[in-house]
Amino acid sequence: MPPDPAPPIESPCIRVCMVDGRSGLCLGCYRTLGEIARWSAYTDAERARIMRGLPERRSRIAPDVLERFGR
């Protein structure tokens, strides 16, 4: 019997992939481009640390920008 596949990597991606020019954060998940690019290479602990900080990052994006994208 083949081994069980690895569990999927938790990701905050919601498929709204646009970067805010002022903050440098994705309007969907609030990660930086560097974090998005390296996401699968991070350890579980590194991903968890980033995930914990995402809610605070929302405040770095202008409210009118968030509103335009339904966020």
PDB file of N, CA and C in Angstrom:
ATOM      1  N   MET A   1       0.852  -1.161   0.000  1.00  0.00           N
ATOM      2  CA  MET A   1       0.000   0.000   0.000  1.00  0.00           C
ATOM      3  C   MET A   1       0.910   1.240   0.000  1.00  0.00           C
ATOM      4  N   PRO A   2       0.596   2.250  -0.848  1.00  0.00           N
ATOM      5  CA  PRO A   2       1.426   3.469  -0.883  1.00  0.00           C
ATOM      6  C   PRO A   2       1.278   4.263   0.413  1.00  0.00           C
ATOM      7  N   PRO A   3       2.334   4.996   0.770  1.00  0.00           N
ATOM      8  CA  PRO A   3       2.237   5.801   1.997  1.00  0.00           C
ATOM      9  C   PRO A   3       1.205   6.913   1.842  1.00  0.00           C
ATOM     10  N   ASP A   4       0.678   7.343   2.980  1.00  0.00           N
ATOM     11  CA  ASP A   4      -0.285   8.449   2.971  1.00  0.00           C
ATOM     12  C   ASP A   4       0.402   9.707   2.458  1.00  0.00           C
ATOM     13  N   PRO A   5      -0.295  10.488   1.640  1.00  0.00           N
ATOM     14  CA  PRO A   5       0.317  11.741   1.166  1.00  0.00           C
ATOM     15  C   PRO A   5       0.519  12.709   2.336  1.00  0.00           C
ATOM     16  N   ALA A   6       1.494  13.575   2.184  1.00  0.00           N
ATOM     17  CA  ALA A   6       1.752  14.579   3.212  1.00  0.00           C
ATOM     18  C   ALA A   6       0.547  15.496   3.317  1.00  0.00           C
ATOM     19  N   PRO A   7       0.246  15.960   4.529  1.00  0.00           N
ATOM     20  CA  PRO A   7      -0.880  16.894   4.665  1.00  0.00           C
ATOM     21  C   PRO A   7      -0.566  18.193   3.928  1.00  0.00           C
ATOM     22  N   PRO A   8      -1.586  18.846   3.410  1.00  0.00           N
ATOM     23  CA  PRO A   8      -1.332  20.101   2.687  1.00  0.00           C
ATOM     24  C   PRO A   8      -0.758  21.160   3.622  1.00  0.00           C
ATOM     25  N   ILE A   9       0.032  22.036   3.050  1.00  0.00           N
ATOM     26  CA  ILE A   9       0.610  23.129   3.809  1.00  0.00           C
ATOM     27  C   ILE A   9      -0.470  24.180   4.025  1.00  0.00           C
ATOM     28  N   GLU A  10      -0.656  24.568   5.269  1.00  0.00           N
ATOM     29  CA  GLU A  10      -1.632  25.619   5.584  1.00  0.00           C
ATOM     30  C   GLU A  10      -1.203  26.914   4.905  1.00  0.00           C
ATOM     31  N   SER A  11      -2.153  27.583   4.291  1.00  0.00           N
ATOM     32  CA  SER A  11      -1.866  28.833   3.599  1.00  0.00           C
ATOM     33  C   SER A  11      -3.014  29.817   3.806  1.00  0.00           C
ATOM     34  N   PRO A  12      -2.688  31.102   3.941  1.00  0.00           N
ATOM     35  CA  PRO A  12      -3.743  32.100   4.087  1.00  0.00           C
ATOM     36  C   PRO A  12      -4.292  32.586   2.740  1.00  0.00           C
ATOM     37  N   CYS A  13      -3.799  32.024   1.654  1.00  0.00           N
ATOM     38  CA  CYS A  13      -4.195  32.481   0.319  1.00  0.00           C
ATOM     39  C   CYS A  13      -5.702  32.318   0.101  1.00  0.00           C
ATOM     40  N   ILE A  14      -6.335  33.387  -0.409  1.00  0.00           N
ATOM     41  CA  ILE A  14      -7.762  33.324  -0.736  1.00  0.00           C
ATOM     42  C   ILE A  14      -7.991  33.623  -2.219  1.00  0.00           C
ATOM     43  N   ARG A  15      -6.931  33.581  -3.004  1.00  0.00           N
ATOM     44  CA  ARG A  15      -6.970  33.772  -4.464  1.00  0.00           C
ATOM     45  C   ARG A  15      -7.331  35.202  -4.872  1.00  0.00           C
ATOM     46  N   VAL A  16      -6.991  36.160  -4.021  1.00  0.00           N
ATOM     47  CA  VAL A  16      -7.075  37.582  -4.366  1.00  0.00           C
ATOM     48  C   VAL A  16      -5.629  38.051  -4.381  1.00  0.00           C
ATOM     49  N   CYS A  17      -4.979  37.884  -5.517  1.00  0.00           N
ATOM     50  CA  CYS A  17      -3.528  38.063  -5.599  1.00  0.00           C
ATOM     51  C   CYS A  17      -3.163  39.386  -6.266  1.00  0.00           C
ATOM     52  N   MET A  18      -3.194  40.427  -5.461  1.00  0.00           N
ATOM     53  CA  MET A  18      -2.785  41.758  -5.906  1.00  0.00           C
ATOM     54  C   MET A  18      -1.994  42.380  -4.778  1.00  0.00           C
ATOM     55  N   VAL A  19      -0.871  42.993  -5.122  1.00  0.00           N
ATOM     56  CA  VAL A  19      -0.024  43.590  -4.093  1.00  0.00           C
ATOM     57  C   VAL A  19      -0.283  45.089  -4.006  1.00  0.00           C
ATOM     58  N   ASP A  20      -0.487  45.558  -2.792  1.00  0.00           N
ATOM     59  CA  ASP A  20      -0.659  46.974  -2.518  1.00  0.00           C
ATOM     60  C   ASP A  20       0.713  47.638  -2.630  1.00  0.00           C
ATOM     61  N   GLY A  21       0.820  48.635  -3.494  1.00  0.00           N
ATOM     62  CA  GLY A  21       2.095  49.297  -3.726  1.00  0.00           C
ATOM     63  C   GLY A  21       2.661  50.002  -2.517  1.00  0.00           C
ATOM     64  N   ARG A  22       1.816  50.551  -1.682  1.00  0.00           N
ATOM     65  CA  ARG A  22       2.299  51.287  -0.505  1.00  0.00           C
ATOM     66  C   ARG A  22       2.830  50.367   0.584  1.00  0.00           C
ATOM     67  N   SER A  23       2.096  49.339   0.894  1.00  0.00           N
ATOM     68  CA  SER A  23       2.483  48.462   2.003  1.00  0.00           C
ATOM     69  C   SER A  23       3.356  47.293   1.556  1.00  0.00           C
ATOM     70  N   GLY A  24       3.246  46.917   0.287  1.00  0.00           N
ATOM     71  CA  GLY A  24       3.970  45.748  -0.201  1.00  0.00           C
ATOM     72  C   GLY A  24       3.318  44.441   0.193  1.00  0.00           C
ATOM     73  N   LEU A  25       2.064  44.516   0.657  1.00  0.00           N
ATOM     74  CA  LEU A  25       1.350  43.324   1.099  1.00  0.00           C
ATOM     75  C   LEU A  25       0.296  42.904   0.085  1.00  0.00           C
ATOM     76  N   CYS A  26       0.090  41.597   0.000  1.00  0.00           N
ATOM     77  CA  CYS A  26      -0.977  41.065  -0.848  1.00  0.00           C
ATOM     78  C   CYS A  26      -2.311  41.493  -0.252  1.00  0.00           C
ATOM     79  N   LEU A  27      -3.228  41.943  -1.093  1.00  0.00           N
ATOM     80  CA  LEU A  27      -4.542  42.384  -0.622  1.00  0.00           C
ATOM     81  C   LEU A  27      -5.424  41.217  -0.181  1.00  0.00           C
ATOM     82  N   GLY A  28      -5.070  40.025  -0.569  1.00  0.00           N
ATOM     83  CA  GLY A  28      -5.861  38.860  -0.172  1.00  0.00           C
ATOM     84  C   GLY A  28      -5.399  38.222   1.118  1.00  0.00           C
ATOM     85  N   CYS A  29      -4.082  38.009   1.234  1.00  0.00           N
ATOM     86  CA  CYS A  29      -3.585  37.256   2.393  1.00  0.00           C
ATOM     87  C   CYS A  29      -2.676  38.055   3.316  1.00  0.00           C
ATOM     88  N   TYR A  30      -2.306  39.256   2.901  1.00  0.00           N
ATOM     89  CA  TYR A  30      -1.473  40.162   3.701  1.00  0.00           C
ATOM     90  C   TYR A  30      -0.020  39.695   3.853  1.00  0.00           C
ATOM     91  N   ARG A  31       0.416  38.776   2.996  1.00  0.00           N
ATOM     92  CA  ARG A  31       1.824  38.384   3.002  1.00  0.00           C
ATOM     93  C   ARG A  31       2.597  39.245   2.011  1.00  0.00           C
ATOM     94  N   THR A  32       3.925  39.297   2.190  1.00  0.00           N
ATOM     95  CA  THR A  32       4.780  39.977   1.226  1.00  0.00           C
ATOM     96  C   THR A  32       5.040  39.037   0.055  1.00  0.00           C
ATOM     97  N   LEU A  33       5.538  39.589  -1.045  1.00  0.00           N
ATOM     98  CA  LEU A  33       5.874  38.733  -2.189  1.00  0.00           C
ATOM     99  C   LEU A  33       6.936  37.710  -1.807  1.00  0.00           C
ATOM    100  N   GLY A  34       7.912  38.119  -1.008  1.00  0.00           N
ATOM    101  CA  GLY A  34       8.944  37.187  -0.567  1.00  0.00           C
ATOM    102  C   GLY A  34       8.385  36.040   0.246  1.00  0.00           C
ATOM    103  N   GLU A  35       7.448  36.350   1.137  1.00  0.00           N
ATOM    104  CA  GLU A  35       6.818  35.306   1.947  1.00  0.00           C
ATOM    105  C   GLU A  35       6.015  34.358   1.065  1.00  0.00           C
ATOM    106  N   ILE A  36       5.313  34.900   0.105  1.00  0.00           N
ATOM    107  CA  ILE A  36       4.528  34.055  -0.805  1.00  0.00           C
ATOM    108  C   ILE A  36       5.454  33.128  -1.583  1.00  0.00           C
ATOM    109  N   ALA A  37       6.535  33.674  -2.101  1.00  0.00           N
ATOM    110  CA  ALA A  37       7.472  32.883  -2.909  1.00  0.00           C
ATOM    111  C   ALA A  37       8.133  31.769  -2.099  1.00  0.00           C
ATOM    112  N   ARG A  38       8.428  32.021  -0.835  1.00  0.00           N
ATOM    113  CA  ARG A  38       9.135  31.047  -0.004  1.00  0.00           C
ATOM    114  C   ARG A  38       8.208  30.186   0.854  1.00  0.00           C
ATOM    115  N   TRP A  39       6.910  30.383   0.745  1.00  0.00           N
ATOM    116  CA  TRP A  39       5.961  29.751   1.652  1.00  0.00           C
ATOM    117  C   TRP A  39       6.183  28.249   1.796  1.00  0.00           C
ATOM    118  N   SER A  40       6.340  27.538   0.721  1.00  0.00           N
ATOM    119  CA  SER A  40       6.481  26.080   0.810  1.00  0.00           C
ATOM    120  C   SER A  40       7.828  25.664   1.389  1.00  0.00           C
ATOM    121  N   ALA A  41       8.799  26.557   1.424  1.00  0.00           N
ATOM    122  CA  ALA A  41      10.115  26.234   1.983  1.00  0.00           C
ATOM    123  C   ALA A  41      10.203  26.545   3.478  1.00  0.00           C
ATOM    124  N   TYR A  42       9.284  27.326   4.002  1.00  0.00           N
ATOM    125  CA  TYR A  42       9.292  27.656   5.429  1.00  0.00           C
ATOM    126  C   TYR A  42       8.970  26.414   6.256  1.00  0.00           C
ATOM    127  N   THR A  43       9.456  26.405   7.472  1.00  0.00           N
ATOM    128  CA  THR A  43       9.079  25.340   8.401  1.00  0.00           C
ATOM    129  C   THR A  43       7.660  25.619   8.897  1.00  0.00           C
ATOM    130  N   ASP A  44       7.064  24.619   9.520  1.00  0.00           N
ATOM    131  CA  ASP A  44       5.725  24.817  10.093  1.00  0.00           C
ATOM    132  C   ASP A  44       5.751  25.950  11.114  1.00  0.00           C
ATOM    133  N   ALA A  45       6.817  26.028  11.902  1.00  0.00           N
ATOM    134  CA  ALA A  45       6.923  27.084  12.915  1.00  0.00           C
ATOM    135  C   ALA A  45       7.028  28.460  12.268  1.00  0.00           C
ATOM    136  N   GLU A  46       7.767  28.580  11.174  1.00  0.00           N
ATOM    137  CA  GLU A  46       7.885  29.868  10.480  1.00  0.00           C
ATOM    138  C   GLU A  46       6.548  30.289   9.879  1.00  0.00           C
ATOM    139  N   ARG A  47       5.856  29.339   9.271  1.00  0.00           N
ATOM    140  CA  ARG A  47       4.532  29.652   8.707  1.00  0.00           C
ATOM    141  C   ARG A  47       3.556  30.055   9.809  1.00  0.00           C
ATOM    142  N   ALA A  48       3.607  29.368  10.936  1.00  0.00           N
ATOM    143  CA  ALA A  48       2.711  29.689  12.054  1.00  0.00           C
ATOM    144  C   ALA A  48       2.991  31.100  12.576  1.00  0.00           C
ATOM    145  N   ARG A  49       4.260  31.464  12.672  1.00  0.00           N
ATOM    146  CA  ARG A  49       4.622  32.804  13.142  1.00  0.00           C
ATOM    147  C   ARG A  49       4.072  33.864  12.200  1.00  0.00           C
ATOM    148  N   ILE A  50       4.204  33.646  10.903  1.00  0.00           N
ATOM    149  CA  ILE A  50       3.690  34.593   9.915  1.00  0.00           C
ATOM    150  C   ILE A  50       2.163  34.657  10.000  1.00  0.00           C
ATOM    151  N   MET A  51       1.523  33.506  10.086  1.00  0.00           N
ATOM    152  CA  MET A  51       0.052  33.461  10.160  1.00  0.00           C
ATOM    153  C   MET A  51      -0.465  34.260  11.365  1.00  0.00           C
ATOM    154  N   ARG A  52       0.218  34.156  12.500  1.00  0.00           N
ATOM    155  CA  ARG A  52      -0.218  34.897  13.691  1.00  0.00           C
ATOM    156  C   ARG A  52      -0.152  36.407  13.474  1.00  0.00           C
ATOM    157  N   GLY A  53       0.786  36.872  12.665  1.00  0.00           N
ATOM    158  CA  GLY A  53       0.959  38.302  12.449  1.00  0.00           C
ATOM    159  C   GLY A  53       0.088  38.890  11.350  1.00  0.00           C
ATOM    160  N   LEU A  54      -0.581  38.052  10.576  1.00  0.00           N
ATOM    161  CA  LEU A  54      -1.348  38.558   9.428  1.00  0.00           C
ATOM    162  C   LEU A  54      -2.501  39.487   9.810  1.00  0.00           C
ATOM    163  N   PRO A  55      -3.286  39.199  10.836  1.00  0.00           N
ATOM    164  CA  PRO A  55      -4.400  40.113  11.153  1.00  0.00           C
ATOM    165  C   PRO A  55      -3.944  41.554  11.395  1.00  0.00           C
ATOM    166  N   GLU A  56      -2.817  41.732  12.058  1.00  0.00           N
ATOM    167  CA  GLU A  56      -2.308  43.073  12.326  1.00  0.00           C
ATOM    168  C   GLU A  56      -1.894  43.779  11.038  1.00  0.00           C
ATOM    169  N   ARG A  57      -1.421  43.046  10.085  1.00  0.00           N
ATOM    170  CA  ARG A  57      -0.935  43.639   8.839  1.00  0.00           C
ATOM    171  C   ARG A  57      -2.025  44.342   8.048  1.00  0.00           C
ATOM    172  N   ARG A  58      -3.244  43.895   8.208  1.00  0.00           N
ATOM    173  CA  ARG A  58      -4.368  44.506   7.473  1.00  0.00           C
ATOM    174  C   ARG A  58      -4.393  46.009   7.685  1.00  0.00           C
ATOM    175  N   SER A  59      -4.028  46.467   8.885  1.00  0.00           N
ATOM    176  CA  SER A  59      -4.074  47.890   9.202  1.00  0.00           C
ATOM    177  C   SER A  59      -3.024  48.700   8.435  1.00  0.00           C
ATOM    178  N   ARG A  60      -2.091  48.037   7.808  1.00  0.00           N
ATOM    179  CA  ARG A  60      -1.067  48.734   7.017  1.00  0.00           C
ATOM    180  C   ARG A  60      -1.559  49.125   5.623  1.00  0.00           C
ATOM    181  N   ILE A  61      -2.731  48.619   5.257  1.00  0.00           N
ATOM    182  CA  ILE A  61      -3.292  48.901   3.933  1.00  0.00           C
ATOM    183  C   ILE A  61      -4.409  49.930   4.094  1.00  0.00           C
ATOM    184  N   ALA A  62      -4.398  50.945   3.254  1.00  0.00           N
ATOM    185  CA  ALA A  62      -5.393  52.015   3.329  1.00  0.00           C
ATOM    186  C   ALA A  62      -6.806  51.433   3.221  1.00  0.00           C
ATOM    187  N   PRO A  63      -7.722  51.903   4.063  1.00  0.00           N
ATOM    188  CA  PRO A  63      -9.100  51.384   4.052  1.00  0.00           C
ATOM    189  C   PRO A  63      -9.771  51.475   2.678  1.00  0.00           C
ATOM    190  N   ASP A  64      -9.513  52.560   1.927  1.00  0.00           N
ATOM    191  CA  ASP A  64     -10.168  52.668   0.626  1.00  0.00           C
ATOM    192  C   ASP A  64      -9.667  51.610  -0.349  1.00  0.00           C
ATOM    193  N   VAL A  65      -8.422  51.204  -0.226  1.00  0.00           N
ATOM    194  CA  VAL A  65      -7.871  50.141  -1.079  1.00  0.00           C
ATOM    195  C   VAL A  65      -8.545  48.814  -0.722  1.00  0.00           C
ATOM    196  N   LEU A  66      -8.621  48.525   0.554  1.00  0.00           N
ATOM    197  CA  LEU A  66      -9.273  47.286   0.995  1.00  0.00           C
ATOM    198  C   LEU A  66     -10.732  47.248   0.528  1.00  0.00           C
ATOM    199  N   GLU A  67     -11.405  48.362   0.644  1.00  0.00           N
ATOM    200  CA  GLU A  67     -12.814  48.422   0.257  1.00  0.00           C
ATOM    201  C   GLU A  67     -13.017  48.116  -1.225  1.00  0.00           C
ATOM    202  N   ARG A  68     -12.116  48.629  -2.062  1.00  0.00           N
ATOM    203  CA  ARG A  68     -12.221  48.364  -3.507  1.00  0.00           C
ATOM    204  C   ARG A  68     -12.164  46.879  -3.833  1.00  0.00           C
ATOM    205  N   PHE A  69     -11.531  46.108  -2.990  1.00  0.00           N
ATOM    206  CA  PHE A  69     -11.376  44.681  -3.250  1.00  0.00           C
ATOM    207  C   PHE A  69     -12.233  43.829  -2.315  1.00  0.00           C
ATOM    208  N   GLY A  70     -13.206  44.481  -1.686  1.00  0.00           N
ATOM    209  CA  GLY A  70     -14.140  43.735  -0.840  1.00  0.00           C
ATOM    210  C   GLY A  70     -13.506  43.145   0.391  1.00  0.00           C
ATOM    211  N   ARG A  71     -12.467  43.761   0.876  1.00  0.00           N
ATOM    212  CA  ARG A  71     -11.752  43.244   2.048  1.00  0.00           C
ATOM    213  C   ARG A  71     -12.038  44.155   3.192  1.00  0.00           C
TER     214      ARG A  71
END
